[in-house]
Amino acid sequence: MSQRFTHANEVIAMAPLSDDGSLFRKQQVSINHSSELQYDFMLLNGNEFHFIRDLALLRDDAELSEFKELILRRLKEESVN
């Protein structure tokens, strides 16, 4: 069963992606001024990627996990190129 988020801090606490060092060298997760969850990555090749999702669309941990999987897939695609 999914855990509903009641505060943005709960989202931030669960938001960072795990990596063994094979995808990115830097990751920053924040809530921007538009109340969106923002991921900023620097890949090993130096390219930067940014992902944004409205907090209203991340109501629970299942929705956050889905978004994180989408980000991981995209980062893996870019690391191959």
N, C-alpha and C. Protein backbone atom coordinates (compact mmCIF):
# COMPACT_ATOMS: atom_id res chain seq x y z
N MET A 1 0.84 -1.18 0.00
CA MET A 1 0.00 0.00 0.00
C MET A 1 0.88 1.24 0.00
N SER A 2 0.49 2.23 -0.76
CA SER A 2 1.26 3.45 -0.89
C SER A 2 1.09 4.36 0.32
N GLN A 3 2.18 5.05 0.62
CA GLN A 3 2.16 6.03 1.71
C GLN A 3 1.93 7.41 1.10
N ARG A 4 0.85 8.09 1.54
CA ARG A 4 0.55 9.44 1.05
C ARG A 4 1.49 10.45 1.70
N PHE A 5 1.91 11.42 0.90
CA PHE A 5 2.74 12.49 1.42
C PHE A 5 1.85 13.58 2.01
N THR A 6 2.25 14.09 3.16
CA THR A 6 1.50 15.17 3.79
C THR A 6 2.29 16.49 3.78
N HIS A 7 3.57 16.42 3.41
CA HIS A 7 4.40 17.62 3.40
C HIS A 7 5.52 17.45 2.37
N ALA A 8 5.96 18.55 1.78
CA ALA A 8 7.01 18.52 0.77
C ALA A 8 8.30 17.90 1.31
N ASN A 9 8.57 18.07 2.59
CA ASN A 9 9.78 17.49 3.18
C ASN A 9 9.80 15.97 3.08
N GLU A 10 8.64 15.34 3.12
CA GLU A 10 8.56 13.89 2.97
C GLU A 10 8.97 13.47 1.56
N VAL A 11 8.57 14.27 0.58
CA VAL A 11 8.94 13.98 -0.81
C VAL A 11 10.45 14.12 -0.98
N ILE A 12 11.00 15.21 -0.49
CA ILE A 12 12.44 15.45 -0.58
C ILE A 12 13.24 14.33 0.08
N ALA A 13 12.78 13.86 1.22
CA ALA A 13 13.50 12.81 1.94
C ALA A 13 13.59 11.52 1.13
N MET A 14 12.57 11.24 0.34
CA MET A 14 12.53 10.00 -0.44
C MET A 14 12.98 10.18 -1.89
N ALA A 15 13.25 11.39 -2.30
CA ALA A 15 13.48 11.69 -3.71
C ALA A 15 14.84 11.28 -4.28
N PRO A 16 15.94 11.36 -3.54
CA PRO A 16 17.24 11.08 -4.17
C PRO A 16 17.30 9.68 -4.80
N LEU A 17 17.98 9.63 -5.94
CA LEU A 17 18.18 8.37 -6.64
C LEU A 17 19.44 7.69 -6.15
N SER A 18 19.40 6.39 -6.08
CA SER A 18 20.58 5.61 -5.74
C SER A 18 21.38 5.36 -7.01
N ASP A 19 22.69 5.44 -6.89
CA ASP A 19 23.55 5.17 -8.03
C ASP A 19 24.87 4.65 -7.51
N ASP A 20 25.42 3.69 -8.23
CA ASP A 20 26.71 3.12 -7.84
C ASP A 20 27.88 3.89 -8.47
N GLY A 21 27.58 5.05 -9.03
CA GLY A 21 28.61 5.85 -9.67
C GLY A 21 28.71 5.62 -11.17
N SER A 22 27.82 4.81 -11.72
CA SER A 22 27.89 4.49 -13.14
C SER A 22 27.02 5.40 -14.02
N LEU A 23 26.16 6.22 -13.42
CA LEU A 23 25.26 7.08 -14.20
C LEU A 23 25.59 8.56 -14.08
N PHE A 24 25.79 9.04 -12.88
CA PHE A 24 26.00 10.47 -12.69
C PHE A 24 27.02 10.73 -11.61
N ARG A 25 27.64 11.92 -11.72
CA ARG A 25 28.63 12.29 -10.70
C ARG A 25 28.06 13.26 -9.69
N LYS A 26 26.95 13.92 -10.04
CA LYS A 26 26.35 14.89 -9.11
C LYS A 26 24.84 14.85 -9.26
N GLN A 27 24.16 14.94 -8.12
CA GLN A 27 22.70 14.96 -8.08
C GLN A 27 22.26 16.00 -7.04
N GLN A 28 21.30 16.82 -7.44
CA GLN A 28 20.70 17.75 -6.48
C GLN A 28 19.19 17.67 -6.63
N VAL A 29 18.51 17.56 -5.50
CA VAL A 29 17.05 17.49 -5.50
C VAL A 29 16.54 18.64 -4.64
N SER A 30 15.55 19.36 -5.17
CA SER A 30 15.02 20.51 -4.43
C SER A 30 13.56 20.75 -4.80
N ILE A 31 12.93 21.61 -4.03
CA ILE A 31 11.60 22.12 -4.36
C ILE A 31 11.83 23.53 -4.87
N ASN A 32 11.42 23.80 -6.10
CA ASN A 32 11.66 25.13 -6.66
C ASN A 32 10.54 26.10 -6.27
N HIS A 33 10.65 27.34 -6.76
CA HIS A 33 9.70 28.40 -6.39
C HIS A 33 8.29 28.17 -6.92
N SER A 34 8.14 27.24 -7.84
CA SER A 34 6.82 26.92 -8.40
C SER A 34 6.21 25.69 -7.75
N SER A 35 6.74 25.29 -6.60
CA SER A 35 6.27 24.10 -5.89
C SER A 35 6.38 22.84 -6.74
N GLU A 36 7.52 22.71 -7.39
CA GLU A 36 7.82 21.54 -8.20
C GLU A 36 9.05 20.84 -7.63
N LEU A 37 9.04 19.53 -7.73
CA LEU A 37 10.22 18.75 -7.38
C LEU A 37 11.18 18.84 -8.56
N GLN A 38 12.41 19.25 -8.29
CA GLN A 38 13.38 19.44 -9.36
C GLN A 38 14.63 18.61 -9.09
N TYR A 39 15.00 17.83 -10.09
CA TYR A 39 16.23 17.04 -10.06
C TYR A 39 17.22 17.68 -11.02
N ASP A 40 18.45 17.85 -10.58
CA ASP A 40 19.52 18.34 -11.43
C ASP A 40 20.66 17.32 -11.36
N PHE A 41 21.10 16.86 -12.52
CA PHE A 41 22.15 15.84 -12.59
C PHE A 41 23.29 16.32 -13.47
N MET A 42 24.50 15.93 -13.11
CA MET A 42 25.65 16.03 -13.99
C MET A 42 26.09 14.60 -14.25
N LEU A 43 26.04 14.23 -15.53
CA LEU A 43 26.43 12.88 -15.91
C LEU A 43 27.95 12.76 -15.94
N LEU A 44 28.41 11.54 -16.02
CA LEU A 44 29.85 11.28 -16.04
C LEU A 44 30.52 11.92 -17.25
N ASN A 45 29.78 12.08 -18.35
CA ASN A 45 30.34 12.70 -19.56
C ASN A 45 30.27 14.22 -19.52
N GLY A 46 29.78 14.79 -18.41
CA GLY A 46 29.71 16.25 -18.26
C GLY A 46 28.39 16.87 -18.66
N ASN A 47 27.53 16.12 -19.32
CA ASN A 47 26.21 16.65 -19.70
C ASN A 47 25.34 16.84 -18.47
N GLU A 48 24.52 17.87 -18.52
CA GLU A 48 23.60 18.15 -17.43
C GLU A 48 22.18 17.81 -17.86
N PHE A 49 21.42 17.25 -16.91
CA PHE A 49 20.02 16.94 -17.16
C PHE A 49 19.19 17.43 -15.99
N HIS A 50 17.98 17.90 -16.31
CA HIS A 50 17.08 18.44 -15.31
C HIS A 50 15.70 17.83 -15.52
N PHE A 51 15.06 17.47 -14.43
CA PHE A 51 13.72 16.89 -14.46
C PHE A 51 12.87 17.64 -13.44
N ILE A 52 11.65 17.95 -13.84
CA ILE A 52 10.74 18.70 -12.95
C ILE A 52 9.39 18.02 -12.96
N ARG A 53 8.78 17.93 -11.79
CA ARG A 53 7.42 17.38 -11.67
C ARG A 53 6.68 18.18 -10.60
N ASP A 54 5.47 18.58 -10.91
CA ASP A 54 4.63 19.31 -9.97
C ASP A 54 4.37 18.45 -8.74
N LEU A 55 4.55 19.03 -7.56
CA LEU A 55 4.33 18.27 -6.32
C LEU A 55 2.91 17.71 -6.23
N ALA A 56 1.95 18.41 -6.81
CA ALA A 56 0.56 17.95 -6.77
C ALA A 56 0.39 16.61 -7.49
N LEU A 57 1.31 16.29 -8.40
CA LEU A 57 1.26 15.01 -9.13
C LEU A 57 1.97 13.89 -8.41
N LEU A 58 2.64 14.23 -7.32
CA LEU A 58 3.38 13.24 -6.52
C LEU A 58 2.70 13.10 -5.16
N ARG A 59 1.55 12.49 -5.18
CA ARG A 59 0.75 12.41 -3.95
C ARG A 59 1.20 11.32 -2.99
N ASP A 60 1.93 10.32 -3.51
CA ASP A 60 2.35 9.22 -2.64
C ASP A 60 3.66 8.62 -3.14
N ASP A 61 4.19 7.69 -2.36
CA ASP A 61 5.49 7.12 -2.70
C ASP A 61 5.46 6.31 -3.99
N ALA A 62 4.32 5.76 -4.36
CA ALA A 62 4.22 5.01 -5.61
C ALA A 62 4.39 5.94 -6.81
N GLU A 63 3.79 7.12 -6.76
CA GLU A 63 3.92 8.08 -7.85
C GLU A 63 5.34 8.63 -7.92
N LEU A 64 5.96 8.84 -6.77
CA LEU A 64 7.35 9.29 -6.76
C LEU A 64 8.25 8.20 -7.34
N SER A 65 8.03 6.95 -6.97
CA SER A 65 8.83 5.84 -7.50
C SER A 65 8.71 5.74 -9.02
N GLU A 66 7.51 5.96 -9.53
CA GLU A 66 7.29 5.94 -10.98
C GLU A 66 8.11 7.02 -11.67
N PHE A 67 8.10 8.22 -11.09
CA PHE A 67 8.86 9.33 -11.65
C PHE A 67 10.35 9.04 -11.59
N LYS A 68 10.81 8.48 -10.49
CA LYS A 68 12.23 8.14 -10.35
C LYS A 68 12.65 7.09 -11.38
N GLU A 69 11.80 6.12 -11.66
CA GLU A 69 12.09 5.10 -12.67
C GLU A 69 12.20 5.73 -14.06
N LEU A 70 11.31 6.67 -14.35
CA LEU A 70 11.37 7.39 -15.63
C LEU A 70 12.70 8.13 -15.75
N ILE A 71 13.13 8.79 -14.68
CA ILE A 71 14.41 9.51 -14.68
C ILE A 71 15.56 8.54 -14.89
N LEU A 72 15.57 7.44 -14.18
CA LEU A 72 16.64 6.45 -14.33
C LEU A 72 16.73 5.92 -15.76
N ARG A 73 15.58 5.62 -16.36
CA ARG A 73 15.58 5.13 -17.75
C ARG A 73 16.20 6.17 -18.68
N ARG A 74 15.81 7.43 -18.50
CA ARG A 74 16.33 8.51 -19.35
C ARG A 74 17.84 8.69 -19.15
N LEU A 75 18.29 8.65 -17.91
CA LEU A 75 19.72 8.80 -17.63
C LEU A 75 20.52 7.63 -18.22
N LYS A 76 19.96 6.42 -18.14
CA LYS A 76 20.64 5.26 -18.72
C LYS A 76 20.74 5.38 -20.24
N GLU A 77 19.67 5.89 -20.87
CA GLU A 77 19.70 6.09 -22.31
C GLU A 77 20.80 7.09 -22.69
N GLU A 78 20.92 8.15 -21.93
CA GLU A 78 21.91 9.18 -22.21
C GLU A 78 23.33 8.70 -21.94
N SER A 79 23.50 7.83 -20.97
CA SER A 79 24.84 7.36 -20.64
C SER A 79 25.39 6.45 -21.74
N VAL A 80 24.50 5.85 -22.53
CA VAL A 80 24.91 4.97 -23.64
C VAL A 80 25.36 5.81 -24.83
N ASN A 81 24.75 6.97 -25.02
CA ASN A 81 25.06 7.83 -26.18
C ASN A 81 26.36 8.57 -26.02
